[in-house]
PDB file of N, CA and C in Angstrom:
ATOM      1  N   MET A   1      29.961 -28.213  -3.759  1.00  0.00           N
ATOM      2  CA  MET A   1      28.896 -28.548  -2.833  1.00  0.00           C
ATOM      3  C   MET A   1      28.697 -27.445  -1.800  1.00  0.00           C
ATOM      4  N   LYS A   2      29.827 -26.905  -1.275  1.00  0.00           N
ATOM      5  CA  LYS A   2      29.725 -25.842  -0.287  1.00  0.00           C
ATOM      6  C   LYS A   2      29.157 -24.568  -0.910  1.00  0.00           C
ATOM      7  N   LEU A   3      29.541 -24.284  -2.140  1.00  0.00           N
ATOM      8  CA  LEU A   3      29.023 -23.099  -2.827  1.00  0.00           C
ATOM      9  C   LEU A   3      27.525 -23.231  -3.052  1.00  0.00           C
ATOM     10  N   ARG A   4      27.099 -24.404  -3.453  1.00  0.00           N
ATOM     11  CA  ARG A   4      25.668 -24.639  -3.680  1.00  0.00           C
ATOM     12  C   ARG A   4      24.874 -24.451  -2.388  1.00  0.00           C
ATOM     13  N   ARG A   5      25.399 -24.977  -1.294  1.00  0.00           N
ATOM     14  CA  ARG A   5      24.735 -24.843   0.004  1.00  0.00           C
ATOM     15  C   ARG A   5      24.694 -23.374   0.444  1.00  0.00           C
ATOM     16  N   ALA A   6      25.769 -22.642   0.194  1.00  0.00           N
ATOM     17  CA  ALA A   6      25.817 -21.222   0.551  1.00  0.00           C
ATOM     18  C   ALA A   6      24.790 -20.432  -0.252  1.00  0.00           C
ATOM     19  N   ILE A   7      24.665 -20.730  -1.522  1.00  0.00           N
ATOM     20  CA  ILE A   7      23.685 -20.042  -2.367  1.00  0.00           C
ATOM     21  C   ILE A   7      22.270 -20.332  -1.884  1.00  0.00           C
ATOM     22  N   ILE A   8      21.987 -21.576  -1.551  1.00  0.00           N
ATOM     23  CA  ILE A   8      20.660 -21.956  -1.046  1.00  0.00           C
ATOM     24  C   ILE A   8      20.367 -21.229   0.265  1.00  0.00           C
ATOM     25  N   ASN A   9      21.369 -21.166   1.152  1.00  0.00           N
ATOM     26  CA  ASN A   9      21.175 -20.461   2.424  1.00  0.00           C
ATOM     27  C   ASN A   9      20.898 -18.978   2.216  1.00  0.00           C
ATOM     28  N   VAL A  10      21.610 -18.350   1.307  1.00  0.00           N
ATOM     29  CA  VAL A  10      21.397 -16.928   1.030  1.00  0.00           C
ATOM     30  C   VAL A  10      20.005 -16.708   0.441  1.00  0.00           C
ATOM     31  N   LEU A  11      19.612 -17.535  -0.506  1.00  0.00           N
ATOM     32  CA  LEU A  11      18.288 -17.395  -1.105  1.00  0.00           C
ATOM     33  C   LEU A  11      17.184 -17.621  -0.082  1.00  0.00           C
ATOM     34  N   PHE A  12      17.324 -18.657   0.736  1.00  0.00           N
ATOM     35  CA  PHE A  12      16.319 -18.935   1.759  1.00  0.00           C
ATOM     36  C   PHE A  12      16.259 -17.798   2.774  1.00  0.00           C
ATOM     37  N   GLY A  13      17.417 -17.317   3.210  1.00  0.00           N
ATOM     38  CA  GLY A  13      17.459 -16.209   4.159  1.00  0.00           C
ATOM     39  C   GLY A  13      16.823 -14.954   3.591  1.00  0.00           C
ATOM     40  N   SER A  14      17.059 -14.685   2.313  1.00  0.00           N
ATOM     41  CA  SER A  14      16.445 -13.517   1.670  1.00  0.00           C
ATOM     42  C   SER A  14      14.929 -13.652   1.632  1.00  0.00           C
ATOM     43  N   CYS A  15      14.457 -14.846   1.317  1.00  0.00           N
ATOM     44  CA  CYS A  15      13.002 -15.063   1.275  1.00  0.00           C
ATOM     45  C   CYS A  15      12.380 -14.884   2.649  1.00  0.00           C
ATOM     46  N   VAL A  16      13.059 -15.359   3.682  1.00  0.00           N
ATOM     47  CA  VAL A  16      12.532 -15.207   5.044  1.00  0.00           C
ATOM     48  C   VAL A  16      12.478 -13.735   5.430  1.00  0.00           C
ATOM     49  N   ILE A  17      13.517 -12.992   5.118  1.00  0.00           N
ATOM     50  CA  ILE A  17      13.539 -11.559   5.445  1.00  0.00           C
ATOM     51  C   ILE A  17      12.422 -10.833   4.716  1.00  0.00           C
ATOM     52  N   ILE A  18      12.253 -11.102   3.438  1.00  0.00           N
ATOM     53  CA  ILE A  18      11.206 -10.434   2.656  1.00  0.00           C
ATOM     54  C   ILE A  18       9.826 -10.854   3.138  1.00  0.00           C
ATOM     55  N   ALA A  19       9.660 -12.142   3.455  1.00  0.00           N
ATOM     56  CA  ALA A  19       8.347 -12.635   3.866  1.00  0.00           C
ATOM     57  C   ALA A  19       7.915 -12.076   5.216  1.00  0.00           C
ATOM     58  N   THR A  20       8.874 -11.828   6.091  1.00  0.00           N
ATOM     59  CA  THR A  20       8.517 -11.316   7.408  1.00  0.00           C
ATOM     60  C   THR A  20       8.465  -9.802   7.458  1.00  0.00           C
ATOM     61  N   GLN A  21       8.976  -9.147   6.428  1.00  0.00           N
ATOM     62  CA  GLN A  21       8.918  -7.686   6.380  1.00  0.00           C
ATOM     63  C   GLN A  21       7.477  -7.262   6.127  1.00  0.00           C
ATOM     64  N   GLN A  22       7.023  -6.287   6.877  1.00  0.00           N
ATOM     65  CA  GLN A  22       5.674  -5.767   6.670  1.00  0.00           C
ATOM     66  C   GLN A  22       5.776  -4.507   5.832  1.00  0.00           C
ATOM     67  N   VAL A  23       4.804  -4.296   4.998  1.00  0.00           N
ATOM     68  CA  VAL A  23       4.753  -3.048   4.252  1.00  0.00           C
ATOM     69  C   VAL A  23       4.554  -1.940   5.270  1.00  0.00           C
ATOM     70  N   ASN A  24       5.456  -0.985   5.263  1.00  0.00           N
ATOM     71  CA  ASN A  24       5.412   0.054   6.284  1.00  0.00           C
ATOM     72  C   ASN A  24       4.428   1.160   5.956  1.00  0.00           C
ATOM     73  N   ALA A  25       3.680   0.996   4.899  1.00  0.00           N
ATOM     74  CA  ALA A  25       2.679   1.996   4.538  1.00  0.00           C
ATOM     75  C   ALA A  25       1.382   1.671   5.262  1.00  0.00           C
ATOM     76  N   GLU A  26       1.131   2.353   6.315  1.00  0.00           N
ATOM     77  CA  GLU A  26      -0.095   2.134   7.077  1.00  0.00           C
ATOM     78  C   GLU A  26      -1.157   3.106   6.582  1.00  0.00           C
ATOM     79  N   MET A  27      -2.314   2.580   6.309  1.00  0.00           N
ATOM     80  CA  MET A  27      -3.424   3.409   5.871  1.00  0.00           C
ATOM     81  C   MET A  27      -4.405   3.548   7.027  1.00  0.00           C
ATOM     82  N   PRO A  28      -4.658   4.774   7.501  1.00  0.00           N
ATOM     83  CA  PRO A  28      -5.595   4.955   8.605  1.00  0.00           C
ATOM     84  C   PRO A  28      -7.040   4.665   8.210  1.00  0.00           C
ATOM     85  N   MET A  29      -7.307   4.649   6.916  1.00  0.00           N
ATOM     86  CA  MET A  29      -8.649   4.334   6.423  1.00  0.00           C
ATOM     87  C   MET A  29      -8.544   3.119   5.514  1.00  0.00           C
ATOM     88  N   ASN A  30      -9.564   2.282   5.530  1.00  0.00           N
ATOM     89  CA  ASN A  30      -9.550   1.198   4.558  1.00  0.00           C
ATOM     90  C   ASN A  30     -10.067   1.729   3.222  1.00  0.00           C
ATOM     91  N   ASP A  31     -10.000   0.910   2.201  1.00  0.00           N
ATOM     92  CA  ASP A  31     -10.362   1.384   0.866  1.00  0.00           C
ATOM     93  C   ASP A  31     -11.840   1.746   0.760  1.00  0.00           C
ATOM     94  N   TRP A  32     -12.702   1.060   1.497  1.00  0.00           N
ATOM     95  CA  TRP A  32     -14.133   1.368   1.434  1.00  0.00           C
ATOM     96  C   TRP A  32     -14.394   2.756   2.018  1.00  0.00           C
ATOM     97  N   ASP A  33     -13.784   3.044   3.174  1.00  0.00           N
ATOM     98  CA  ASP A  33     -13.957   4.356   3.789  1.00  0.00           C
ATOM     99  C   ASP A  33     -13.397   5.462   2.901  1.00  0.00           C
ATOM    100  N   LEU A  34     -12.229   5.215   2.328  1.00  0.00           N
ATOM    101  CA  LEU A  34     -11.623   6.215   1.455  1.00  0.00           C
ATOM    102  C   LEU A  34     -12.463   6.429   0.202  1.00  0.00           C
ATOM    103  N   ASP A  35     -13.041   5.358  -0.307  1.00  0.00           N
ATOM    104  CA  ASP A  35     -13.877   5.460  -1.503  1.00  0.00           C
ATOM    105  C   ASP A  35     -15.145   6.266  -1.227  1.00  0.00           C
ATOM    106  N   HIS A  36     -15.662   6.199  -0.013  1.00  0.00           N
ATOM    107  CA  HIS A  36     -16.900   6.896   0.333  1.00  0.00           C
ATOM    108  C   HIS A  36     -16.662   8.191   1.097  1.00  0.00           C
ATOM    109  N   PHE A  37     -15.443   8.682   1.064  1.00  0.00           N
ATOM    110  CA  PHE A  37     -15.103   9.954   1.687  1.00  0.00           C
ATOM    111  C   PHE A  37     -15.845  11.082   0.969  1.00  0.00           C
ATOM    112  N   GLN A  38     -16.420  11.981   1.734  1.00  0.00           N
ATOM    113  CA  GLN A  38     -17.170  13.113   1.166  1.00  0.00           C
ATOM    114  C   GLN A  38     -16.366  14.398   1.344  1.00  0.00           C
ATOM    115  N   PRO A  39     -15.819  14.947   0.270  1.00  0.00           N
ATOM    116  CA  PRO A  39     -15.076  16.208   0.388  1.00  0.00           C
ATOM    117  C   PRO A  39     -15.992  17.341   0.856  1.00  0.00           C
ATOM    118  N   ASP A  40     -15.425  18.215   1.657  1.00  0.00           N
ATOM    119  CA  ASP A  40     -16.145  19.363   2.192  1.00  0.00           C
ATOM    120  C   ASP A  40     -15.407  20.620   1.734  1.00  0.00           C
ATOM    121  N   CYS A  41     -16.059  21.427   0.897  1.00  0.00           N
ATOM    122  CA  CYS A  41     -15.409  22.604   0.324  1.00  0.00           C
ATOM    123  C   CYS A  41     -15.041  23.640   1.378  1.00  0.00           C
ATOM    124  N   SER A  42     -15.734  23.670   2.489  1.00  0.00           N
ATOM    125  CA  SER A  42     -15.406  24.651   3.522  1.00  0.00           C
ATOM    126  C   SER A  42     -14.090  24.296   4.235  1.00  0.00           C
ATOM    127  N   LYS A  43     -13.629  23.068   4.079  1.00  0.00           N
ATOM    128  CA  LYS A  43     -12.367  22.622   4.693  1.00  0.00           C
ATOM    129  C   LYS A  43     -11.402  22.125   3.624  1.00  0.00           C
ATOM    130  N   LYS A  44     -11.399  22.777   2.491  1.00  0.00           N
ATOM    131  CA  LYS A  44     -10.620  22.306   1.340  1.00  0.00           C
ATOM    132  C   LYS A  44      -9.134  22.168   1.663  1.00  0.00           C
ATOM    133  N   ARG A  45      -8.544  23.204   2.219  1.00  0.00           N
ATOM    134  CA  ARG A  45      -7.101  23.183   2.465  1.00  0.00           C
ATOM    135  C   ARG A  45      -6.705  22.045   3.410  1.00  0.00           C
ATOM    136  N   GLU A  46      -7.440  21.889   4.507  1.00  0.00           N
ATOM    137  CA  GLU A  46      -7.127  20.829   5.459  1.00  0.00           C
ATOM    138  C   GLU A  46      -7.304  19.453   4.837  1.00  0.00           C
ATOM    139  N   GLN A  47      -8.344  19.297   4.026  1.00  0.00           N
ATOM    140  CA  GLN A  47      -8.596  17.993   3.410  1.00  0.00           C
ATOM    141  C   GLN A  47      -7.546  17.659   2.357  1.00  0.00           C
ATOM    142  N   VAL A  48      -7.084  18.666   1.613  1.00  0.00           N
ATOM    143  CA  VAL A  48      -6.029  18.415   0.628  1.00  0.00           C
ATOM    144  C   VAL A  48      -4.761  17.941   1.338  1.00  0.00           C
ATOM    145  N   GLU A  49      -4.372  18.620   2.416  1.00  0.00           N
ATOM    146  CA  GLU A  49      -3.185  18.209   3.167  1.00  0.00           C
ATOM    147  C   GLU A  49      -3.373  16.826   3.777  1.00  0.00           C
ATOM    148  N   TRP A  50      -4.557  16.580   4.306  1.00  0.00           N
ATOM    149  CA  TRP A  50      -4.864  15.307   4.937  1.00  0.00           C
ATOM    150  C   TRP A  50      -4.795  14.165   3.926  1.00  0.00           C
ATOM    151  N   LEU A  51      -5.405  14.355   2.768  1.00  0.00           N
ATOM    152  CA  LEU A  51      -5.385  13.322   1.729  1.00  0.00           C
ATOM    153  C   LEU A  51      -3.969  13.093   1.202  1.00  0.00           C
ATOM    154  N   GLN A  52      -3.213  14.165   1.000  1.00  0.00           N
ATOM    155  CA  GLN A  52      -1.857  14.010   0.481  1.00  0.00           C
ATOM    156  C   GLN A  52      -0.948  13.278   1.467  1.00  0.00           C
ATOM    157  N   SER A  53      -1.256  13.368   2.751  1.00  0.00           N
ATOM    158  CA  SER A  53      -0.434  12.669   3.739  1.00  0.00           C
ATOM    159  C   SER A  53      -0.603  11.145   3.650  1.00  0.00           C
ATOM    160  N   PHE A  54      -1.654  10.672   2.989  1.00  0.00           N
ATOM    161  CA  PHE A  54      -1.906   9.234   2.852  1.00  0.00           C
ATOM    162  C   PHE A  54      -1.226   8.611   1.639  1.00  0.00           C
ATOM    163  N   ARG A  55      -0.685   9.434   0.755  1.00  0.00           N
ATOM    164  CA  ARG A  55      -0.126   8.901  -0.486  1.00  0.00           C
ATOM    165  C   ARG A  55       1.036   7.953  -0.203  1.00  0.00           C
ATOM    166  N   ASN A  56       1.119   6.882  -0.975  1.00  0.00           N
ATOM    167  CA  ASN A  56       2.206   5.914  -0.860  1.00  0.00           C
ATOM    168  C   ASN A  56       3.309   6.286  -1.834  1.00  0.00           C
ATOM    169  N   SER A  57       4.552   6.145  -1.389  1.00  0.00           N
ATOM    170  CA  SER A  57       5.688   6.421  -2.269  1.00  0.00           C
ATOM    171  C   SER A  57       5.895   5.244  -3.223  1.00  0.00           C
ATOM    172  N   ASP A  58       6.723   5.470  -4.234  1.00  0.00           N
ATOM    173  CA  ASP A  58       7.036   4.388  -5.172  1.00  0.00           C
ATOM    174  C   ASP A  58       7.738   3.235  -4.455  1.00  0.00           C
ATOM    175  N   GLY A  59       8.579   3.559  -3.486  1.00  0.00           N
ATOM    176  CA  GLY A  59       9.269   2.520  -2.722  1.00  0.00           C
ATOM    177  C   GLY A  59       8.308   1.666  -1.911  1.00  0.00           C
ATOM    178  N   GLN A  60       7.312   2.300  -1.313  1.00  0.00           N
ATOM    179  CA  GLN A  60       6.310   1.556  -0.551  1.00  0.00           C
ATOM    180  C   GLN A  60       5.492   0.659  -1.472  1.00  0.00           C
ATOM    181  N   ARG A  61       5.165   1.167  -2.655  1.00  0.00           N
ATOM    182  CA  ARG A  61       4.401   0.357  -3.605  1.00  0.00           C
ATOM    183  C   ARG A  61       5.226  -0.827  -4.100  1.00  0.00           C
ATOM    184  N   LEU A  62       6.505  -0.601  -4.383  1.00  0.00           N
ATOM    185  CA  LEU A  62       7.379  -1.688  -4.823  1.00  0.00           C
ATOM    186  C   LEU A  62       7.531  -2.737  -3.727  1.00  0.00           C
ATOM    187  N   SER A  63       7.722  -2.283  -2.502  1.00  0.00           N
ATOM    188  CA  SER A  63       7.838  -3.211  -1.376  1.00  0.00           C
ATOM    189  C   SER A  63       6.564  -4.038  -1.218  1.00  0.00           C
ATOM    190  N   ALA A  64       5.417  -3.422  -1.409  1.00  0.00           N
ATOM    191  CA  ALA A  64       4.147  -4.142  -1.308  1.00  0.00           C
ATOM    192  C   ALA A  64       4.020  -5.191  -2.412  1.00  0.00           C
ATOM    193  N   ARG A  65       4.456  -4.852  -3.623  1.00  0.00           N
ATOM    194  CA  ARG A  65       4.383  -5.827  -4.721  1.00  0.00           C
ATOM    195  C   ARG A  65       5.303  -7.016  -4.461  1.00  0.00           C
ATOM    196  N   VAL A  66       6.501  -6.750  -3.944  1.00  0.00           N
ATOM    197  CA  VAL A  66       7.436  -7.837  -3.631  1.00  0.00           C
ATOM    198  C   VAL A  66       6.867  -8.704  -2.517  1.00  0.00           C
ATOM    199  N   GLU A  67       6.334  -8.053  -1.481  1.00  0.00           N
ATOM    200  CA  GLU A  67       5.751  -8.814  -0.368  1.00  0.00           C
ATOM    201  C   GLU A  67       4.589  -9.675  -0.845  1.00  0.00           C
ATOM    202  N   GLN A  68       3.780  -9.151  -1.719  1.00  0.00           N
ATOM    203  CA  GLN A  68       2.647  -9.917  -2.242  1.00  0.00           C
ATOM    204  C   GLN A  68       3.133 -11.124  -3.047  1.00  0.00           C
ATOM    205  N   PHE A  69       4.219 -10.938  -3.795  1.00  0.00           N
ATOM    206  CA  PHE A  69       4.744 -12.011  -4.637  1.00  0.00           C
ATOM    207  C   PHE A  69       5.343 -13.143  -3.805  1.00  0.00           C
ATOM    208  N   VAL A  70       6.050 -12.799  -2.721  1.00  0.00           N
ATOM    209  CA  VAL A  70       6.745 -13.843  -1.955  1.00  0.00           C
ATOM    210  C   VAL A  70       5.896 -14.427  -0.831  1.00  0.00           C
ATOM    211  N   THR A  71       4.699 -13.888  -0.595  1.00  0.00           N
ATOM    212  CA  THR A  71       3.827 -14.432   0.462  1.00  0.00           C
ATOM    213  C   THR A  71       2.422 -14.714  -0.085  1.00  0.00           C
ATOM    214  N   PRO A  72       2.315 -15.607  -1.065  1.00  0.00           N
ATOM    215  CA  PRO A  72       0.987 -15.876  -1.635  1.00  0.00           C
ATOM    216  C   PRO A  72       0.034 -16.569  -0.657  1.00  0.00           C
ATOM    217  N   TRP A  73       0.574 -17.257   0.356  1.00  0.00           N
ATOM    218  CA  TRP A  73      -0.285 -17.938   1.330  1.00  0.00           C
ATOM    219  C   TRP A  73      -1.072 -16.961   2.190  1.00  0.00           C
ATOM    220  N   ARG A  74      -0.656 -15.714   2.218  1.00  0.00           N
ATOM    221  CA  ARG A  74      -1.339 -14.741   3.062  1.00  0.00           C
ATOM    222  C   ARG A  74      -2.794 -14.550   2.616  1.00  0.00           C
ATOM    223  N   TRP A  75      -3.101 -14.801   1.355  1.00  0.00           N
ATOM    224  CA  TRP A  75      -4.495 -14.681   0.884  1.00  0.00           C
ATOM    225  C   TRP A  75      -5.402 -15.662   1.628  1.00  0.00           C
ATOM    226  N   PHE A  76      -4.836 -16.745   2.138  1.00  0.00           N
ATOM    227  CA  PHE A  76      -5.623 -17.739   2.872  1.00  0.00           C
ATOM    228  C   PHE A  76      -5.530 -17.562   4.383  1.00  0.00           C
ATOM    229  N   THR A  77      -4.391 -17.047   4.860  1.00  0.00           N
ATOM    230  CA  THR A  77      -4.186 -16.933   6.304  1.00  0.00           C
ATOM    231  C   THR A  77      -4.587 -15.575   6.871  1.00  0.00           C
ATOM    232  N   ASP A  78      -4.450 -14.524   6.084  1.00  0.00           N
ATOM    233  CA  ASP A  78      -4.776 -13.163   6.544  1.00  0.00           C
ATOM    234  C   ASP A  78      -5.275 -12.363   5.349  1.00  0.00           C
ATOM    235  N   TYR A  79      -6.509 -12.624   4.959  1.00  0.00           N
ATOM    236  CA  TYR A  79      -7.057 -12.043   3.731  1.00  0.00           C
ATOM    237  C   TYR A  79      -7.062 -10.520   3.744  1.00  0.00           C
ATOM    238  N   GLU A  80      -7.469  -9.913   4.859  1.00  0.00           N
ATOM    239  CA  GLU A  80      -7.566  -8.446   4.921  1.00  0.00           C
ATOM    240  C   GLU A  80      -6.202  -7.789   4.721  1.00  0.00           C
ATOM    241  N   GLU A  81      -5.188  -8.344   5.356  1.00  0.00           N
ATOM    242  CA  GLU A  81      -3.841  -7.784   5.198  1.00  0.00           C
ATOM    243  C   GLU A  81      -3.341  -7.997   3.771  1.00  0.00           C
ATOM    244  N   ALA A  82      -3.589  -9.164   3.197  1.00  0.00           N
ATOM    245  CA  ALA A  82      -3.168  -9.433   1.818  1.00  0.00           C
ATOM    246  C   ALA A  82      -3.861  -8.480   0.853  1.00  0.00           C
ATOM    247  N   ARG A  83      -5.123  -8.199   1.088  1.00  0.00           N
ATOM    248  CA  ARG A  83      -5.862  -7.276   0.228  1.00  0.00           C
ATOM    249  C   ARG A  83      -5.313  -5.859   0.358  1.00  0.00           C
ATOM    250  N   ARG A  84      -5.000  -5.442   1.597  1.00  0.00           N
ATOM    251  CA  ARG A  84      -4.432  -4.106   1.819  1.00  0.00           C
ATOM    252  C   ARG A  84      -3.094  -3.967   1.101  1.00  0.00           C
ATOM    253  N   VAL A  85      -2.241  -4.982   1.214  1.00  0.00           N
ATOM    254  CA  VAL A  85      -0.935  -4.952   0.553  1.00  0.00           C
ATOM    255  C   VAL A  85      -1.125  -4.915  -0.963  1.00  0.00           C
ATOM    256  N   SER A  86      -2.085  -5.671  -1.465  1.00  0.00           N
ATOM    257  CA  SER A  86      -2.355  -5.680  -2.897  1.00  0.00           C
ATOM    258  C   SER A  86      -2.814  -4.307  -3.385  1.00  0.00           C
ATOM    259  N   LEU A  87      -3.698  -3.671  -2.641  1.00  0.00           N
ATOM    260  CA  LEU A  87      -4.187  -2.346  -3.027  1.00  0.00           C
ATOM    261  C   LEU A  87      -3.074  -1.310  -3.003  1.00  0.00           C
ATOM    262  N   ILE A  88      -2.178  -1.405  -2.031  1.00  0.00           N
ATOM    263  CA  ILE A  88      -1.038  -0.488  -1.981  1.00  0.00           C
ATOM    264  C   ILE A  88      -0.124  -0.741  -3.170  1.00  0.00           C
ATOM    265  N   GLY A  89       0.167  -2.012  -3.443  1.00  0.00           N
ATOM    266  CA  GLY A  89       1.063  -2.366  -4.545  1.00  0.00           C
ATOM    267  C   GLY A  89       0.542  -1.942  -5.900  1.00  0.00           C
ATOM    268  N   ARG A  90      -0.747  -2.058  -6.103  1.00  0.00           N
ATOM    269  CA  ARG A  90      -1.343  -1.669  -7.389  1.00  0.00           C
ATOM    270  C   ARG A  90      -1.542  -0.167  -7.510  1.00  0.00           C
ATOM    271  N   GLY A  91      -1.447   0.547  -6.397  1.00  0.00           N
ATOM    272  CA  GLY A  91      -1.629   1.998  -6.436  1.00  0.00           C
ATOM    273  C   GLY A  91      -3.077   2.422  -6.328  1.00  0.00           C
ATOM    274  N   ASP A  92      -3.944   1.535  -5.860  1.00  0.00           N
ATOM    275  CA  ASP A  92      -5.368   1.864  -5.766  1.00  0.00           C
ATOM    276  C   ASP A  92      -5.642   2.967  -4.746  1.00  0.00           C
ATOM    277  N   TYR A  93      -4.903   2.960  -3.622  1.00  0.00           N
ATOM    278  CA  TYR A  93      -5.100   4.030  -2.643  1.00  0.00           C
ATOM    279  C   TYR A  93      -4.741   5.383  -3.256  1.00  0.00           C
ATOM    280  N   ASN A  94      -3.613   5.435  -3.958  1.00  0.00           N
ATOM    281  CA  ASN A  94      -3.216   6.695  -4.589  1.00  0.00           C
ATOM    282  C   ASN A  94      -4.247   7.138  -5.620  1.00  0.00           C
ATOM    283  N   TRP A  95      -4.822   6.199  -6.347  1.00  0.00           N
ATOM    284  CA  TRP A  95      -5.828   6.547  -7.346  1.00  0.00           C
ATOM    285  C   TRP A  95      -7.058   7.170  -6.679  1.00  0.00           C
ATOM    286  N   LEU A  96      -7.517   6.555  -5.590  1.00  0.00           N
ATOM    287  CA  LEU A  96      -8.673   7.111  -4.872  1.00  0.00           C
ATOM    288  C   LEU A  96      -8.361   8.501  -4.319  1.00  0.00           C
ATOM    289  N   ILE A  97      -7.176   8.659  -3.781  1.00  0.00           N
ATOM    290  CA  ILE A  97      -6.776   9.964  -3.256  1.00  0.00           C
ATOM    291  C   ILE A  97      -6.749  10.990  -4.379  1.00  0.00           C
ATOM    292  N   ASN A  98      -6.203  10.619  -5.537  1.00  0.00           N
ATOM    293  CA  ASN A  98      -6.181  11.538  -6.684  1.00  0.00           C
ATOM    294  C   ASN A  98      -7.588  11.946  -7.103  1.00  0.00           C
ATOM    295  N   GLN A  99      -8.526  11.016  -7.060  1.00  0.00           N
ATOM    296  CA  GLN A  99      -9.905  11.348  -7.436  1.00  0.00           C
ATOM    297  C   GLN A  99     -10.500  12.382  -6.484  1.00  0.00           C
ATOM    298  N   HIS A 100     -10.254  12.215  -5.201  1.00  0.00           N
ATOM    299  CA  HIS A 100     -10.771  13.185  -4.223  1.00  0.00           C
ATOM    300  C   HIS A 100     -10.073  14.534  -4.368  1.00  0.00           C
ATOM    301  N   LEU A 101      -8.783  14.521  -4.652  1.00  0.00           N
ATOM    302  CA  LEU A 101      -8.069  15.781  -4.851  1.00  0.00           C
ATOM    303  C   LEU A 101      -8.578  16.514  -6.089  1.00  0.00           C
ATOM    304  N   MET A 102      -8.888  15.761  -7.146  1.00  0.00           N
ATOM    305  CA  MET A 102      -9.456  16.394  -8.347  1.00  0.00           C
ATOM    306  C   MET A 102     -10.841  16.953  -8.062  1.00  0.00           C
ATOM    307  N   THR A 103     -11.621  16.239  -7.268  1.00  0.00           N
ATOM    308  CA  THR A 103     -12.948  16.742  -6.888  1.00  0.00           C
ATOM    309  C   THR A 103     -12.821  18.047  -6.123  1.00  0.00           C
ATOM    310  N   LEU A 104     -11.909  18.076  -5.170  1.00  0.00           N
ATOM    311  CA  LEU A 104     -11.702  19.318  -4.404  1.00  0.00           C
ATOM    312  C   LEU A 104     -11.198  20.445  -5.310  1.00  0.00           C
ATOM    313  N   ARG A 105     -10.284  20.116  -6.220  1.00  0.00           N
ATOM    314  CA  ARG A 105      -9.737  21.146  -7.113  1.00  0.00           C
ATOM    315  C   ARG A 105     -10.801  21.683  -8.072  1.00  0.00           C
ATOM    316  N   ASN A 106     -11.610  20.804  -8.624  1.00  0.00           N
ATOM    317  CA  ASN A 106     -12.554  21.222  -9.664  1.00  0.00           C
ATOM    318  C   ASN A 106     -13.871  21.765  -9.116  1.00  0.00           C
ATOM    319  N   ASN A 107     -14.298  21.300  -7.967  1.00  0.00           N
ATOM    320  CA  ASN A 107     -15.622  21.676  -7.470  1.00  0.00           C
ATOM    321  C   ASN A 107     -15.606  22.705  -6.349  1.00  0.00           C
ATOM    322  N   CYS A 108     -14.448  22.957  -5.783  1.00  0.00           N
ATOM    323  CA  CYS A 108     -14.366  23.906  -4.664  1.00  0.00           C
ATOM    324  C   CYS A 108     -13.498  25.098  -5.077  1.00  0.00           C
ATOM    325  N   LEU A 109     -14.019  26.251  -4.873  1.00  0.00           N
ATOM    326  CA  LEU A 109     -13.270  27.463  -5.231  1.00  0.00           C
ATOM    327  C   LEU A 109     -12.489  28.011  -4.077  1.00  0.00           C
TER     328      LEU A 109
END
């Protein structure tokens, strides 16, 4: 009985820690702004560095996926934050950044 209670406490405590943890990947731009970003060839080097600074690491993406899985109610209580976490977890921000980097690489000399 004591072992069962200890296991339940550990599992509940783990869920609380994960649920209250915020994804530490902050995006200064939302996905709409990033999607409509216009590369400027005259500032290629600065824009490449700027875009690369927004990339999410694999750890940040994994943390976002775990947070999304253990906090499904967030879609109803804080839709914008849930959507941001979902986009980070799926790698959508990195995909958009890669598209802009390819545009700069291919279209700017």
